[in-house]
Amino acid sequence: MKDYQEVREQLINMLKELDERLDRISADIRRVDKPLEQDFSEQAVETENDEVLDALGDTTREEAEQIKQAISRIDAGSYGICTSCGAVIGQDRLHALPFAKLCIDCAEHLESGTD
């Protein structure tokens, strides 16, 4: 198995960036810098913004979880192996998406929804 220490460090840095993003999103939702506006129409806009921030937070948490799983696969020696079919994941795919757990064929199969 190849040494993926550099990839592991890249993933850890990505995880740190995501944690910082989550902190900023949480602070915005909690209105750390500024309380909710008194004007009802402004409150409506801010509430809509909170929904967008919630969605961004969910997406960020999902990506962080994928990165944690990739780090675990590196530590276990199974990084770069498709978790679905067991084939080697191409280096181009891993370079573009370092937390990929599926080879391109399995990923396309999953996205198309075919059996």
PDB file of N, CA and C in Angstrom:
ATOM      1  N   MET A   1       0.853  -1.186   0.000  1.00  0.00           N
ATOM      2  CA  MET A   1       0.000   0.000   0.000  1.00  0.00           C
ATOM      3  C   MET A   1       0.892   1.241   0.000  1.00  0.00           C
ATOM      4  N   LYS A   2       0.486   2.214  -0.784  1.00  0.00           N
ATOM      5  CA  LYS A   2       1.259   3.450  -0.902  1.00  0.00           C
ATOM      6  C   LYS A   2       1.200   4.239   0.395  1.00  0.00           C
ATOM      7  N   ASP A   3       2.208   5.040   0.589  1.00  0.00           N
ATOM      8  CA  ASP A   3       2.228   5.918   1.749  1.00  0.00           C
ATOM      9  C   ASP A   3       1.397   7.157   1.431  1.00  0.00           C
ATOM     10  N   TYR A   4       0.350   7.358   2.182  1.00  0.00           N
ATOM     11  CA  TYR A   4      -0.556   8.480   1.946  1.00  0.00           C
ATOM     12  C   TYR A   4      -0.441   9.546   3.037  1.00  0.00           C
ATOM     13  N   GLN A   5       0.737   9.677   3.632  1.00  0.00           N
ATOM     14  CA  GLN A   5       0.907  10.648   4.711  1.00  0.00           C
ATOM     15  C   GLN A   5       0.611  12.078   4.248  1.00  0.00           C
ATOM     16  N   GLU A   6       1.045  12.424   3.062  1.00  0.00           N
ATOM     17  CA  GLU A   6       0.788  13.771   2.540  1.00  0.00           C
ATOM     18  C   GLU A   6      -0.715  13.995   2.340  1.00  0.00           C
ATOM     19  N   VAL A   7      -1.403  12.989   1.825  1.00  0.00           N
ATOM     20  CA  VAL A   7      -2.854  13.086   1.649  1.00  0.00           C
ATOM     21  C   VAL A   7      -3.530  13.207   3.009  1.00  0.00           C
ATOM     22  N   ARG A   8      -3.048  12.446   3.979  1.00  0.00           N
ATOM     23  CA  ARG A   8      -3.619  12.494   5.328  1.00  0.00           C
ATOM     24  C   ARG A   8      -3.492  13.907   5.910  1.00  0.00           C
ATOM     25  N   GLU A   9      -2.338  14.517   5.733  1.00  0.00           N
ATOM     26  CA  GLU A   9      -2.129  15.877   6.221  1.00  0.00           C
ATOM     27  C   GLU A   9      -3.051  16.866   5.504  1.00  0.00           C
ATOM     28  N   GLN A  10      -3.223  16.672   4.204  1.00  0.00           N
ATOM     29  CA  GLN A  10      -4.142  17.512   3.427  1.00  0.00           C
ATOM     30  C   GLN A  10      -5.563  17.356   3.964  1.00  0.00           C
ATOM     31  N   LEU A  11      -5.967  16.127   4.250  1.00  0.00           N
ATOM     32  CA  LEU A  11      -7.314  15.884   4.785  1.00  0.00           C
ATOM     33  C   LEU A  11      -7.491  16.521   6.161  1.00  0.00           C
ATOM     34  N   ILE A  12      -6.468  16.436   6.986  1.00  0.00           N
ATOM     35  CA  ILE A  12      -6.538  17.057   8.315  1.00  0.00           C
ATOM     36  C   ILE A  12      -6.680  18.574   8.180  1.00  0.00           C
ATOM     37  N   ASN A  13      -5.957  19.173   7.234  1.00  0.00           N
ATOM     38  CA  ASN A  13      -6.079  20.613   6.999  1.00  0.00           C
ATOM     39  C   ASN A  13      -7.473  20.973   6.491  1.00  0.00           C
ATOM     40  N   MET A  14      -8.019  20.137   5.621  1.00  0.00           N
ATOM     41  CA  MET A  14      -9.378  20.360   5.130  1.00  0.00           C
ATOM     42  C   MET A  14     -10.369  20.289   6.292  1.00  0.00           C
ATOM     43  N   LEU A  15     -10.155  19.338   7.192  1.00  0.00           N
ATOM     44  CA  LEU A  15     -11.028  19.169   8.349  1.00  0.00           C
ATOM     45  C   LEU A  15     -10.969  20.401   9.261  1.00  0.00           C
ATOM     46  N   LYS A  16      -9.774  20.929   9.450  1.00  0.00           N
ATOM     47  CA  LYS A  16      -9.633  22.148  10.258  1.00  0.00           C
ATOM     48  C   LYS A  16     -10.388  23.316   9.627  1.00  0.00           C
ATOM     49  N   GLU A  17     -10.289  23.454   8.309  1.00  0.00           N
ATOM     50  CA  GLU A  17     -11.003  24.527   7.614  1.00  0.00           C
ATOM     51  C   GLU A  17     -12.513  24.361   7.760  1.00  0.00           C
ATOM     52  N   LEU A  18     -12.983  23.119   7.666  1.00  0.00           N
ATOM     53  CA  LEU A  18     -14.413  22.870   7.824  1.00  0.00           C
ATOM     54  C   LEU A  18     -14.873  23.175   9.243  1.00  0.00           C
ATOM     55  N   ASP A  19     -14.053  22.827  10.229  1.00  0.00           N
ATOM     56  CA  ASP A  19     -14.389  23.141  11.622  1.00  0.00           C
ATOM     57  C   ASP A  19     -14.494  24.651  11.820  1.00  0.00           C
ATOM     58  N   GLU A  20     -13.579  25.397  11.227  1.00  0.00           N
ATOM     59  CA  GLU A  20     -13.623  26.861  11.325  1.00  0.00           C
ATOM     60  C   GLU A  20     -14.879  27.406  10.648  1.00  0.00           C
ATOM     61  N   ARG A  21     -15.231  26.824   9.498  1.00  0.00           N
ATOM     62  CA  ARG A  21     -16.445  27.246   8.798  1.00  0.00           C
ATOM     63  C   ARG A  21     -17.672  26.972   9.662  1.00  0.00           C
ATOM     64  N   LEU A  22     -17.719  25.797  10.279  1.00  0.00           N
ATOM     65  CA  LEU A  22     -18.842  25.468  11.160  1.00  0.00           C
ATOM     66  C   LEU A  22     -18.938  26.429  12.336  1.00  0.00           C
ATOM     67  N   ASP A  23     -17.798  26.809  12.884  1.00  0.00           N
ATOM     68  CA  ASP A  23     -17.792  27.781  13.980  1.00  0.00           C
ATOM     69  C   ASP A  23     -18.388  29.112  13.536  1.00  0.00           C
ATOM     70  N   ARG A  24     -18.006  29.558  12.327  1.00  0.00           N
ATOM     71  CA  ARG A  24     -18.540  30.826  11.818  1.00  0.00           C
ATOM     72  C   ARG A  24     -20.045  30.725  11.557  1.00  0.00           C
ATOM     73  N   ILE A  25     -20.474  29.604  10.994  1.00  0.00           N
ATOM     74  CA  ILE A  25     -21.897  29.406  10.728  1.00  0.00           C
ATOM     75  C   ILE A  25     -22.676  29.409  12.041  1.00  0.00           C
ATOM     76  N   SER A  26     -22.168  28.687  13.027  1.00  0.00           N
ATOM     77  CA  SER A  26     -22.842  28.632  14.330  1.00  0.00           C
ATOM     78  C   SER A  26     -22.920  30.013  14.967  1.00  0.00           C
ATOM     79  N   ALA A  27     -21.847  30.766  14.867  1.00  0.00           N
ATOM     80  CA  ALA A  27     -21.841  32.118  15.431  1.00  0.00           C
ATOM     81  C   ALA A  27     -22.866  33.001  14.730  1.00  0.00           C
ATOM     82  N   ASP A  28     -22.966  32.862  13.410  1.00  0.00           N
ATOM     83  CA  ASP A  28     -23.953  33.649  12.667  1.00  0.00           C
ATOM     84  C   ASP A  28     -25.373  33.280  13.075  1.00  0.00           C
ATOM     85  N   ILE A  29     -25.632  31.993  13.229  1.00  0.00           N
ATOM     86  CA  ILE A  29     -26.970  31.546  13.608  1.00  0.00           C
ATOM     87  C   ILE A  29     -27.315  32.020  15.023  1.00  0.00           C
ATOM     88  N   ARG A  30     -26.346  31.977  15.911  1.00  0.00           N
ATOM     89  CA  ARG A  30     -26.571  32.421  17.292  1.00  0.00           C
ATOM     90  C   ARG A  30     -26.584  33.935  17.409  1.00  0.00           C
ATOM     91  N   ARG A  31     -26.275  34.618  16.313  1.00  0.00           N
ATOM     92  CA  ARG A  31     -26.243  36.076  16.278  1.00  0.00           C
ATOM     93  C   ARG A  31     -25.280  36.644  17.314  1.00  0.00           C
ATOM     94  N   VAL A  32     -24.087  36.102  17.309  1.00  0.00           N
ATOM     95  CA  VAL A  32     -23.058  36.529  18.250  1.00  0.00           C
ATOM     96  C   VAL A  32     -22.713  38.000  18.027  1.00  0.00           C
ATOM     97  N   ASP A  33     -22.602  38.408  16.774  1.00  0.00           N
ATOM     98  CA  ASP A  33     -22.194  39.774  16.465  1.00  0.00           C
ATOM     99  C   ASP A  33     -23.332  40.787  16.541  1.00  0.00           C
ATOM    100  N   LYS A  34     -24.560  40.314  16.248  1.00  0.00           N
ATOM    101  CA  LYS A  34     -25.653  41.262  16.133  1.00  0.00           C
ATOM    102  C   LYS A  34     -26.969  40.553  16.442  1.00  0.00           C
ATOM    103  N   PRO A  35     -27.781  41.102  17.330  1.00  0.00           N
ATOM    104  CA  PRO A  35     -29.071  40.477  17.647  1.00  0.00           C
ATOM    105  C   PRO A  35     -30.053  40.590  16.482  1.00  0.00           C
ATOM    106  N   LEU A  36     -31.129  39.832  16.555  1.00  0.00           N
ATOM    107  CA  LEU A  36     -32.180  39.853  15.541  1.00  0.00           C
ATOM    108  C   LEU A  36     -32.760  41.262  15.430  1.00  0.00           C
ATOM    109  N   GLU A  37     -32.989  41.697  14.188  1.00  0.00           N
ATOM    110  CA  GLU A  37     -33.550  43.029  13.935  1.00  0.00           C
ATOM    111  C   GLU A  37     -34.935  43.156  14.563  1.00  0.00           C
ATOM    112  N   GLN A  38     -35.319  44.369  14.926  1.00  0.00           N
ATOM    113  CA  GLN A  38     -36.635  44.640  15.517  1.00  0.00           C
ATOM    114  C   GLN A  38     -37.731  44.642  14.444  1.00  0.00           C
ATOM    115  N   ASP A  39     -37.383  45.088  13.247  1.00  0.00           N
ATOM    116  CA  ASP A  39     -38.343  45.164  12.148  1.00  0.00           C
ATOM    117  C   ASP A  39     -38.749  43.763  11.694  1.00  0.00           C
ATOM    118  N   PHE A  40     -40.068  43.519  11.586  1.00  0.00           N
ATOM    119  CA  PHE A  40     -40.568  42.195  11.246  1.00  0.00           C
ATOM    120  C   PHE A  40     -40.065  41.716   9.889  1.00  0.00           C
ATOM    121  N   SER A  41     -40.076  42.603   8.877  1.00  0.00           N
ATOM    122  CA  SER A  41     -39.618  42.192   7.541  1.00  0.00           C
ATOM    123  C   SER A  41     -38.135  41.837   7.563  1.00  0.00           C
ATOM    124  N   GLU A  42     -37.347  42.550   8.331  1.00  0.00           N
ATOM    125  CA  GLU A  42     -35.926  42.229   8.470  1.00  0.00           C
ATOM    126  C   GLU A  42     -35.747  40.894   9.190  1.00  0.00           C
ATOM    127  N   GLN A  43     -36.595  40.636  10.179  1.00  0.00           N
ATOM    128  CA  GLN A  43     -36.542  39.352  10.888  1.00  0.00           C
ATOM    129  C   GLN A  43     -36.820  38.200   9.926  1.00  0.00           C
ATOM    130  N   ALA A  44     -37.766  38.399   9.008  1.00  0.00           N
ATOM    131  CA  ALA A  44     -38.098  37.364   8.029  1.00  0.00           C
ATOM    132  C   ALA A  44     -36.898  37.053   7.138  1.00  0.00           C
ATOM    133  N   VAL A  45     -36.214  38.096   6.709  1.00  0.00           N
ATOM    134  CA  VAL A  45     -35.024  37.912   5.870  1.00  0.00           C
ATOM    135  C   VAL A  45     -33.939  37.173   6.659  1.00  0.00           C
ATOM    136  N   GLU A  46     -33.744  37.581   7.901  1.00  0.00           N
ATOM    137  CA  GLU A  46     -32.723  36.935   8.722  1.00  0.00           C
ATOM    138  C   GLU A  46     -33.074  35.477   9.003  1.00  0.00           C
ATOM    139  N   THR A  47     -34.357  35.185   9.178  1.00  0.00           N
ATOM    140  CA  THR A  47     -34.785  33.805   9.405  1.00  0.00           C
ATOM    141  C   THR A  47     -34.525  32.948   8.168  1.00  0.00           C
ATOM    142  N   GLU A  48     -34.802  33.511   6.986  1.00  0.00           N
ATOM    143  CA  GLU A  48     -34.488  32.800   5.741  1.00  0.00           C
ATOM    144  C   GLU A  48     -32.993  32.544   5.646  1.00  0.00           C
ATOM    145  N   ASN A  49     -32.210  33.530   6.039  1.00  0.00           N
ATOM    146  CA  ASN A  49     -30.761  33.386   6.033  1.00  0.00           C
ATOM    147  C   ASN A  49     -30.331  32.249   6.967  1.00  0.00           C
ATOM    148  N   ASP A  50     -31.011  32.137   8.115  1.00  0.00           N
ATOM    149  CA  ASP A  50     -30.703  31.056   9.056  1.00  0.00           C
ATOM    150  C   ASP A  50     -30.931  29.686   8.423  1.00  0.00           C
ATOM    151  N   GLU A  51     -31.987  29.566   7.598  1.00  0.00           N
ATOM    152  CA  GLU A  51     -32.265  28.302   6.919  1.00  0.00           C
ATOM    153  C   GLU A  51     -31.136  27.944   5.956  1.00  0.00           C
ATOM    154  N   VAL A  52     -30.647  28.952   5.256  1.00  0.00           N
ATOM    155  CA  VAL A  52     -29.521  28.741   4.341  1.00  0.00           C
ATOM    156  C   VAL A  52     -28.286  28.329   5.141  1.00  0.00           C
ATOM    157  N   LEU A  53     -28.040  29.010   6.245  1.00  0.00           N
ATOM    158  CA  LEU A  53     -26.891  28.671   7.089  1.00  0.00           C
ATOM    159  C   LEU A  53     -27.014  27.262   7.651  1.00  0.00           C
ATOM    160  N   ASP A  54     -28.224  26.866   8.035  1.00  0.00           N
ATOM    161  CA  ASP A  54     -28.439  25.495   8.520  1.00  0.00           C
ATOM    162  C   ASP A  54     -28.073  24.477   7.441  1.00  0.00           C
ATOM    163  N   ALA A  55     -28.506  24.737   6.213  1.00  0.00           N
ATOM    164  CA  ALA A  55     -28.199  23.828   5.107  1.00  0.00           C
ATOM    165  C   ALA A  55     -26.696  23.772   4.853  1.00  0.00           C
ATOM    166  N   LEU A  56     -26.034  24.936   4.890  1.00  0.00           N
ATOM    167  CA  LEU A  56     -24.579  24.967   4.722  1.00  0.00           C
ATOM    168  C   LEU A  56     -23.888  24.201   5.846  1.00  0.00           C
ATOM    169  N   GLY A  57     -24.397  24.356   7.059  1.00  0.00           N
ATOM    170  CA  GLY A  57     -23.840  23.628   8.194  1.00  0.00           C
ATOM    171  C   GLY A  57     -23.981  22.128   8.014  1.00  0.00           C
ATOM    172  N   ASP A  58     -25.149  21.686   7.555  1.00  0.00           N
ATOM    173  CA  ASP A  58     -25.365  20.252   7.327  1.00  0.00           C
ATOM    174  C   ASP A  58     -24.406  19.709   6.277  1.00  0.00           C
ATOM    175  N   THR A  59     -24.265  20.451   5.185  1.00  0.00           N
ATOM    176  CA  THR A  59     -23.347  20.037   4.119  1.00  0.00           C
ATOM    177  C   THR A  59     -21.909  19.983   4.628  1.00  0.00           C
ATOM    178  N   THR A  60     -21.531  20.959   5.412  1.00  0.00           N
ATOM    179  CA  THR A  60     -20.172  21.012   5.966  1.00  0.00           C
ATOM    180  C   THR A  60     -19.935  19.846   6.911  1.00  0.00           C
ATOM    181  N   ARG A  61     -20.916  19.523   7.751  1.00  0.00           N
ATOM    182  CA  ARG A  61     -20.774  18.379   8.667  1.00  0.00           C
ATOM    183  C   ARG A  61     -20.660  17.067   7.905  1.00  0.00           C
ATOM    184  N   GLU A  62     -21.430  16.921   6.819  1.00  0.00           N
ATOM    185  CA  GLU A  62     -21.358  15.708   5.995  1.00  0.00           C
ATOM    186  C   GLU A  62     -19.970  15.566   5.364  1.00  0.00           C
ATOM    187  N   GLU A  63     -19.452  16.659   4.837  1.00  0.00           N
ATOM    188  CA  GLU A  63     -18.116  16.623   4.228  1.00  0.00           C
ATOM    189  C   GLU A  63     -17.052  16.304   5.280  1.00  0.00           C
ATOM    190  N   ALA A  64     -17.187  16.882   6.472  1.00  0.00           N
ATOM    191  CA  ALA A  64     -16.236  16.603   7.556  1.00  0.00           C
ATOM    192  C   ALA A  64     -16.265  15.120   7.912  1.00  0.00           C
ATOM    193  N   GLU A  65     -17.446  14.534   7.947  1.00  0.00           N
ATOM    194  CA  GLU A  65     -17.559  13.104   8.261  1.00  0.00           C
ATOM    195  C   GLU A  65     -16.884  12.256   7.182  1.00  0.00           C
ATOM    196  N   GLN A  66     -17.059  12.628   5.925  1.00  0.00           N
ATOM    197  CA  GLN A  66     -16.403  11.901   4.831  1.00  0.00           C
ATOM    198  C   GLN A  66     -14.886  11.990   4.958  1.00  0.00           C
ATOM    199  N   ILE A  67     -14.390  13.145   5.352  1.00  0.00           N
ATOM    200  CA  ILE A  67     -12.949  13.331   5.524  1.00  0.00           C
ATOM    201  C   ILE A  67     -12.442  12.479   6.684  1.00  0.00           C
ATOM    202  N   LYS A  68     -13.191  12.452   7.782  1.00  0.00           N
ATOM    203  CA  LYS A  68     -12.797  11.613   8.924  1.00  0.00           C
ATOM    204  C   LYS A  68     -12.741  10.149   8.519  1.00  0.00           C
ATOM    205  N   GLN A  69     -13.700   9.718   7.720  1.00  0.00           N
ATOM    206  CA  GLN A  69     -13.693   8.331   7.250  1.00  0.00           C
ATOM    207  C   GLN A  69     -12.496   8.055   6.353  1.00  0.00           C
ATOM    208  N   ALA A  70     -12.133   9.010   5.511  1.00  0.00           N
ATOM    209  CA  ALA A  70     -10.962   8.842   4.647  1.00  0.00           C
ATOM    210  C   ALA A  70      -9.687   8.735   5.480  1.00  0.00           C
ATOM    211  N   ILE A  71      -9.573   9.549   6.520  1.00  0.00           N
ATOM    212  CA  ILE A  71      -8.409   9.469   7.405  1.00  0.00           C
ATOM    213  C   ILE A  71      -8.361   8.099   8.068  1.00  0.00           C
ATOM    214  N   SER A  72      -9.510   7.596   8.475  1.00  0.00           N
ATOM    215  CA  SER A  72      -9.569   6.254   9.074  1.00  0.00           C
ATOM    216  C   SER A  72      -9.144   5.185   8.077  1.00  0.00           C
ATOM    217  N   ARG A  73      -9.546   5.350   6.810  1.00  0.00           N
ATOM    218  CA  ARG A  73      -9.136   4.375   5.788  1.00  0.00           C
ATOM    219  C   ARG A  73      -7.628   4.436   5.559  1.00  0.00           C
ATOM    220  N   ILE A  74      -7.050   5.630   5.595  1.00  0.00           N
ATOM    221  CA  ILE A  74      -5.589   5.737   5.469  1.00  0.00           C
ATOM    222  C   ILE A  74      -4.935   5.002   6.624  1.00  0.00           C
ATOM    223  N   ASP A  75      -5.411   5.266   7.844  1.00  0.00           N
ATOM    224  CA  ASP A  75      -4.833   4.632   9.037  1.00  0.00           C
ATOM    225  C   ASP A  75      -4.988   3.115   9.005  1.00  0.00           C
ATOM    226  N   ALA A  76      -6.078   2.644   8.402  1.00  0.00           N
ATOM    227  CA  ALA A  76      -6.343   1.204   8.348  1.00  0.00           C
ATOM    228  C   ALA A  76      -5.668   0.533   7.151  1.00  0.00           C
ATOM    229  N   GLY A  77      -5.101   1.346   6.246  1.00  0.00           N
ATOM    230  CA  GLY A  77      -4.438   0.784   5.074  1.00  0.00           C
ATOM    231  C   GLY A  77      -5.381   0.443   3.939  1.00  0.00           C
ATOM    232  N   SER A  78      -6.602   0.952   3.981  1.00  0.00           N
ATOM    233  CA  SER A  78      -7.568   0.641   2.924  1.00  0.00           C
ATOM    234  C   SER A  78      -7.917   1.861   2.066  1.00  0.00           C
ATOM    235  N   TYR A  79      -7.168   2.941   2.241  1.00  0.00           N
ATOM    236  CA  TYR A  79      -7.418   4.146   1.453  1.00  0.00           C
ATOM    237  C   TYR A  79      -7.096   3.861  -0.007  1.00  0.00           C
ATOM    238  N   GLY A  80      -7.934   4.400  -0.903  1.00  0.00           N
ATOM    239  CA  GLY A  80      -7.715   4.225  -2.331  1.00  0.00           C
ATOM    240  C   GLY A  80      -8.349   2.963  -2.882  1.00  0.00           C
ATOM    241  N   ILE A  81      -9.080   2.259  -2.038  1.00  0.00           N
ATOM    242  CA  ILE A  81      -9.789   1.047  -2.458  1.00  0.00           C
ATOM    243  C   ILE A  81     -11.281   1.340  -2.373  1.00  0.00           C
ATOM    244  N   CYS A  82     -12.011   1.063  -3.432  1.00  0.00           N
ATOM    245  CA  CYS A  82     -13.443   1.313  -3.481  1.00  0.00           C
ATOM    246  C   CYS A  82     -14.142   0.493  -2.405  1.00  0.00           C
ATOM    247  N   THR A  83     -14.956   1.163  -1.591  1.00  0.00           N
ATOM    248  CA  THR A  83     -15.667   0.471  -0.512  1.00  0.00           C
ATOM    249  C   THR A  83     -16.832  -0.356  -1.036  1.00  0.00           C
ATOM    250  N   SER A  84     -17.179  -0.188  -2.306  1.00  0.00           N
ATOM    251  CA  SER A  84     -18.279  -0.935  -2.884  1.00  0.00           C
ATOM    252  C   SER A  84     -17.808  -2.190  -3.619  1.00  0.00           C
ATOM    253  N   CYS A  85     -16.855  -2.022  -4.545  1.00  0.00           N
ATOM    254  CA  CYS A  85     -16.446  -3.164  -5.377  1.00  0.00           C
ATOM    255  C   CYS A  85     -15.044  -3.679  -5.077  1.00  0.00           C
ATOM    256  N   GLY A  86     -14.265  -2.918  -4.311  1.00  0.00           N
ATOM    257  CA  GLY A  86     -12.914  -3.349  -3.961  1.00  0.00           C
ATOM    258  C   GLY A  86     -11.850  -3.011  -4.989  1.00  0.00           C
ATOM    259  N   ALA A  87     -12.238  -2.305  -6.047  1.00  0.00           N
ATOM    260  CA  ALA A  87     -11.265  -1.904  -7.074  1.00  0.00           C
ATOM    261  C   ALA A  87     -10.432  -0.724  -6.566  1.00  0.00           C
ATOM    262  N   VAL A  88      -9.296  -0.535  -7.205  1.00  0.00           N
ATOM    263  CA  VAL A  88      -8.443   0.611  -6.873  1.00  0.00           C
ATOM    264  C   VAL A  88      -9.106   1.875  -7.419  1.00  0.00           C
ATOM    265  N   ILE A  89      -9.171   2.902  -6.595  1.00  0.00           N
ATOM    266  CA  ILE A  89      -9.709   4.193  -7.024  1.00  0.00           C
ATOM    267  C   ILE A  89      -8.590   4.929  -7.761  1.00  0.00           C
ATOM    268  N   GLY A  90      -8.887   5.429  -8.937  1.00  0.00           N
ATOM    269  CA  GLY A  90      -7.891   6.096  -9.758  1.00  0.00           C
ATOM    270  C   GLY A  90      -7.267   7.304  -9.076  1.00  0.00           C
ATOM    271  N   GLN A  91      -5.984   7.506  -9.332  1.00  0.00           N
ATOM    272  CA  GLN A  91      -5.258   8.621  -8.727  1.00  0.00           C
ATOM    273  C   GLN A  91      -5.850   9.975  -9.115  1.00  0.00           C
ATOM    274  N   ASP A  92      -6.353  10.090 -10.337  1.00  0.00           N
ATOM    275  CA  ASP A  92      -6.971  11.351 -10.751  1.00  0.00           C
ATOM    276  C   ASP A  92      -8.195  11.648  -9.890  1.00  0.00           C
ATOM    277  N   ARG A  93      -8.978  10.622  -9.606  1.00  0.00           N
ATOM    278  CA  ARG A  93     -10.171  10.805  -8.772  1.00  0.00           C
ATOM    279  C   ARG A  93      -9.767  11.172  -7.340  1.00  0.00           C
ATOM    280  N   LEU A  94      -8.778  10.479  -6.803  1.00  0.00           N
ATOM    281  CA  LEU A  94      -8.328  10.775  -5.448  1.00  0.00           C
ATOM    282  C   LEU A  94      -7.711  12.165  -5.355  1.00  0.00           C
ATOM    283  N   HIS A  95      -7.059  12.578  -6.417  1.00  0.00           N
ATOM    284  CA  HIS A  95      -6.476  13.919  -6.422  1.00  0.00           C
ATOM    285  C   HIS A  95      -7.589  14.974  -6.411  1.00  0.00           C
ATOM    286  N   ALA A  96      -8.627  14.741  -7.210  1.00  0.00           N
ATOM    287  CA  ALA A  96      -9.735  15.694  -7.295  1.00  0.00           C
ATOM    288  C   ALA A  96     -10.635  15.643  -6.063  1.00  0.00           C
ATOM    289  N   LEU A  97     -10.802  14.450  -5.503  1.00  0.00           N
ATOM    290  CA  LEU A  97     -11.692  14.242  -4.361  1.00  0.00           C
ATOM    291  C   LEU A  97     -10.984  13.314  -3.373  1.00  0.00           C
ATOM    292  N   PRO A  98     -10.085  13.879  -2.550  1.00  0.00           N
ATOM    293  CA  PRO A  98      -9.233  13.039  -1.706  1.00  0.00           C
ATOM    294  C   PRO A  98      -9.978  12.198  -0.681  1.00  0.00           C
ATOM    295  N   PHE A  99     -11.254  12.475  -0.444  1.00  0.00           N
ATOM    296  CA  PHE A  99     -12.018  11.654   0.493  1.00  0.00           C
ATOM    297  C   PHE A  99     -12.959  10.686  -0.229  1.00  0.00           C
ATOM    298  N   ALA A 100     -12.710  10.479  -1.540  1.00  0.00           N
ATOM    299  CA  ALA A 100     -13.541   9.548  -2.309  1.00  0.00           C
ATOM    300  C   ALA A 100     -13.438   8.148  -1.726  1.00  0.00           C
ATOM    301  N   LYS A 101     -14.589   7.495  -1.599  1.00  0.00           N
ATOM    302  CA  LYS A 101     -14.605   6.120  -1.115  1.00  0.00           C
ATOM    303  C   LYS A 101     -15.068   5.148  -2.189  1.00  0.00           C
ATOM    304  N   LEU A 102     -15.517   5.705  -3.317  1.00  0.00           N
ATOM    305  CA  LEU A 102     -15.983   4.885  -4.423  1.00  0.00           C
ATOM    306  C   LEU A 102     -15.146   5.143  -5.668  1.00  0.00           C
ATOM    307  N   CYS A 103     -14.919   4.090  -6.442  1.00  0.00           N
ATOM    308  CA  CYS A 103     -14.267   4.271  -7.740  1.00  0.00           C
ATOM    309  C   CYS A 103     -15.244   5.017  -8.645  1.00  0.00           C
ATOM    310  N   ILE A 104     -14.778   5.506  -9.758  1.00  0.00           N
ATOM    311  CA  ILE A 104     -15.620   6.311 -10.641  1.00  0.00           C
ATOM    312  C   ILE A 104     -16.806   5.501 -11.150  1.00  0.00           C
ATOM    313  N   ASP A 105     -16.599   4.223 -11.461  1.00  0.00           N
ATOM    314  CA  ASP A 105     -17.699   3.396 -11.963  1.00  0.00           C
ATOM    315  C   ASP A 105     -18.801   3.245 -10.918  1.00  0.00           C
ATOM    316  N   CYS A 106     -18.434   2.947  -9.689  1.00  0.00           N
ATOM    317  CA  CYS A 106     -19.431   2.783  -8.618  1.00  0.00           C
ATOM    318  C   CYS A 106     -20.117   4.110  -8.302  1.00  0.00           C
ATOM    319  N   ALA A 107     -19.357   5.209  -8.341  1.00  0.00           N
ATOM    320  CA  ALA A 107     -19.942   6.528  -8.073  1.00  0.00           C
ATOM    321  C   ALA A 107     -20.958   6.879  -9.162  1.00  0.00           C
ATOM    322  N   GLU A 108     -20.623   6.626 -10.418  1.00  0.00           N
ATOM    323  CA  GLU A 108     -21.550   6.899 -11.502  1.00  0.00           C
ATOM    324  C   GLU A 108     -22.777   6.004 -11.411  1.00  0.00           C
ATOM    325  N   HIS A 109     -22.555   4.748 -11.063  1.00  0.00           N
ATOM    326  CA  HIS A 109     -23.657   3.804 -10.886  1.00  0.00           C
ATOM    327  C   HIS A 109     -24.598   4.273  -9.780  1.00  0.00           C
ATOM    328  N   LEU A 110     -24.060   4.742  -8.676  1.00  0.00           N
ATOM    329  CA  LEU A 110     -24.858   5.231  -7.564  1.00  0.00           C
ATOM    330  C   LEU A 110     -25.643   6.484  -7.935  1.00  0.00           C
ATOM    331  N   GLU A 111     -24.989   7.403  -8.660  1.00  0.00           N
ATOM    332  CA  GLU A 111     -25.648   8.639  -9.065  1.00  0.00           C
ATOM    333  C   GLU A 111     -26.758   8.401 -10.068  1.00  0.00           C
ATOM    334  N   SER A 112     -26.562   7.405 -10.945  1.00  0.00           N
ATOM    335  CA  SER A 112     -27.592   7.141 -11.954  1.00  0.00           C
ATOM    336  C   SER A 112     -28.788   6.399 -11.361  1.00  0.00           C
ATOM    337  N   GLY A 113     -28.577   5.770 -10.198  1.00  0.00           N
ATOM    338  CA  GLY A 113     -29.676   5.066  -9.527  1.00  0.00           C
ATOM    339  C   GLY A 113     -30.037   3.739 -10.164  1.00  0.00           C
ATOM    340  N   THR A 114     -29.146   3.222 -11.009  1.00  0.00           N
ATOM    341  CA  THR A 114     -29.417   1.924 -11.641  1.00  0.00           C
ATOM    342  C   THR A 114     -28.769   0.812 -10.848  1.00  0.00           C
ATOM    343  N   ASP A 115     -29.348  -0.364 -11.003  1.00  0.00           N
ATOM    344  CA  ASP A 115     -28.788  -1.536 -10.291  1.00  0.00           C
ATOM    345  C   ASP A 115     -27.804  -2.286 -11.110  1.00  0.00           C
TER     346      ASP A 115
END
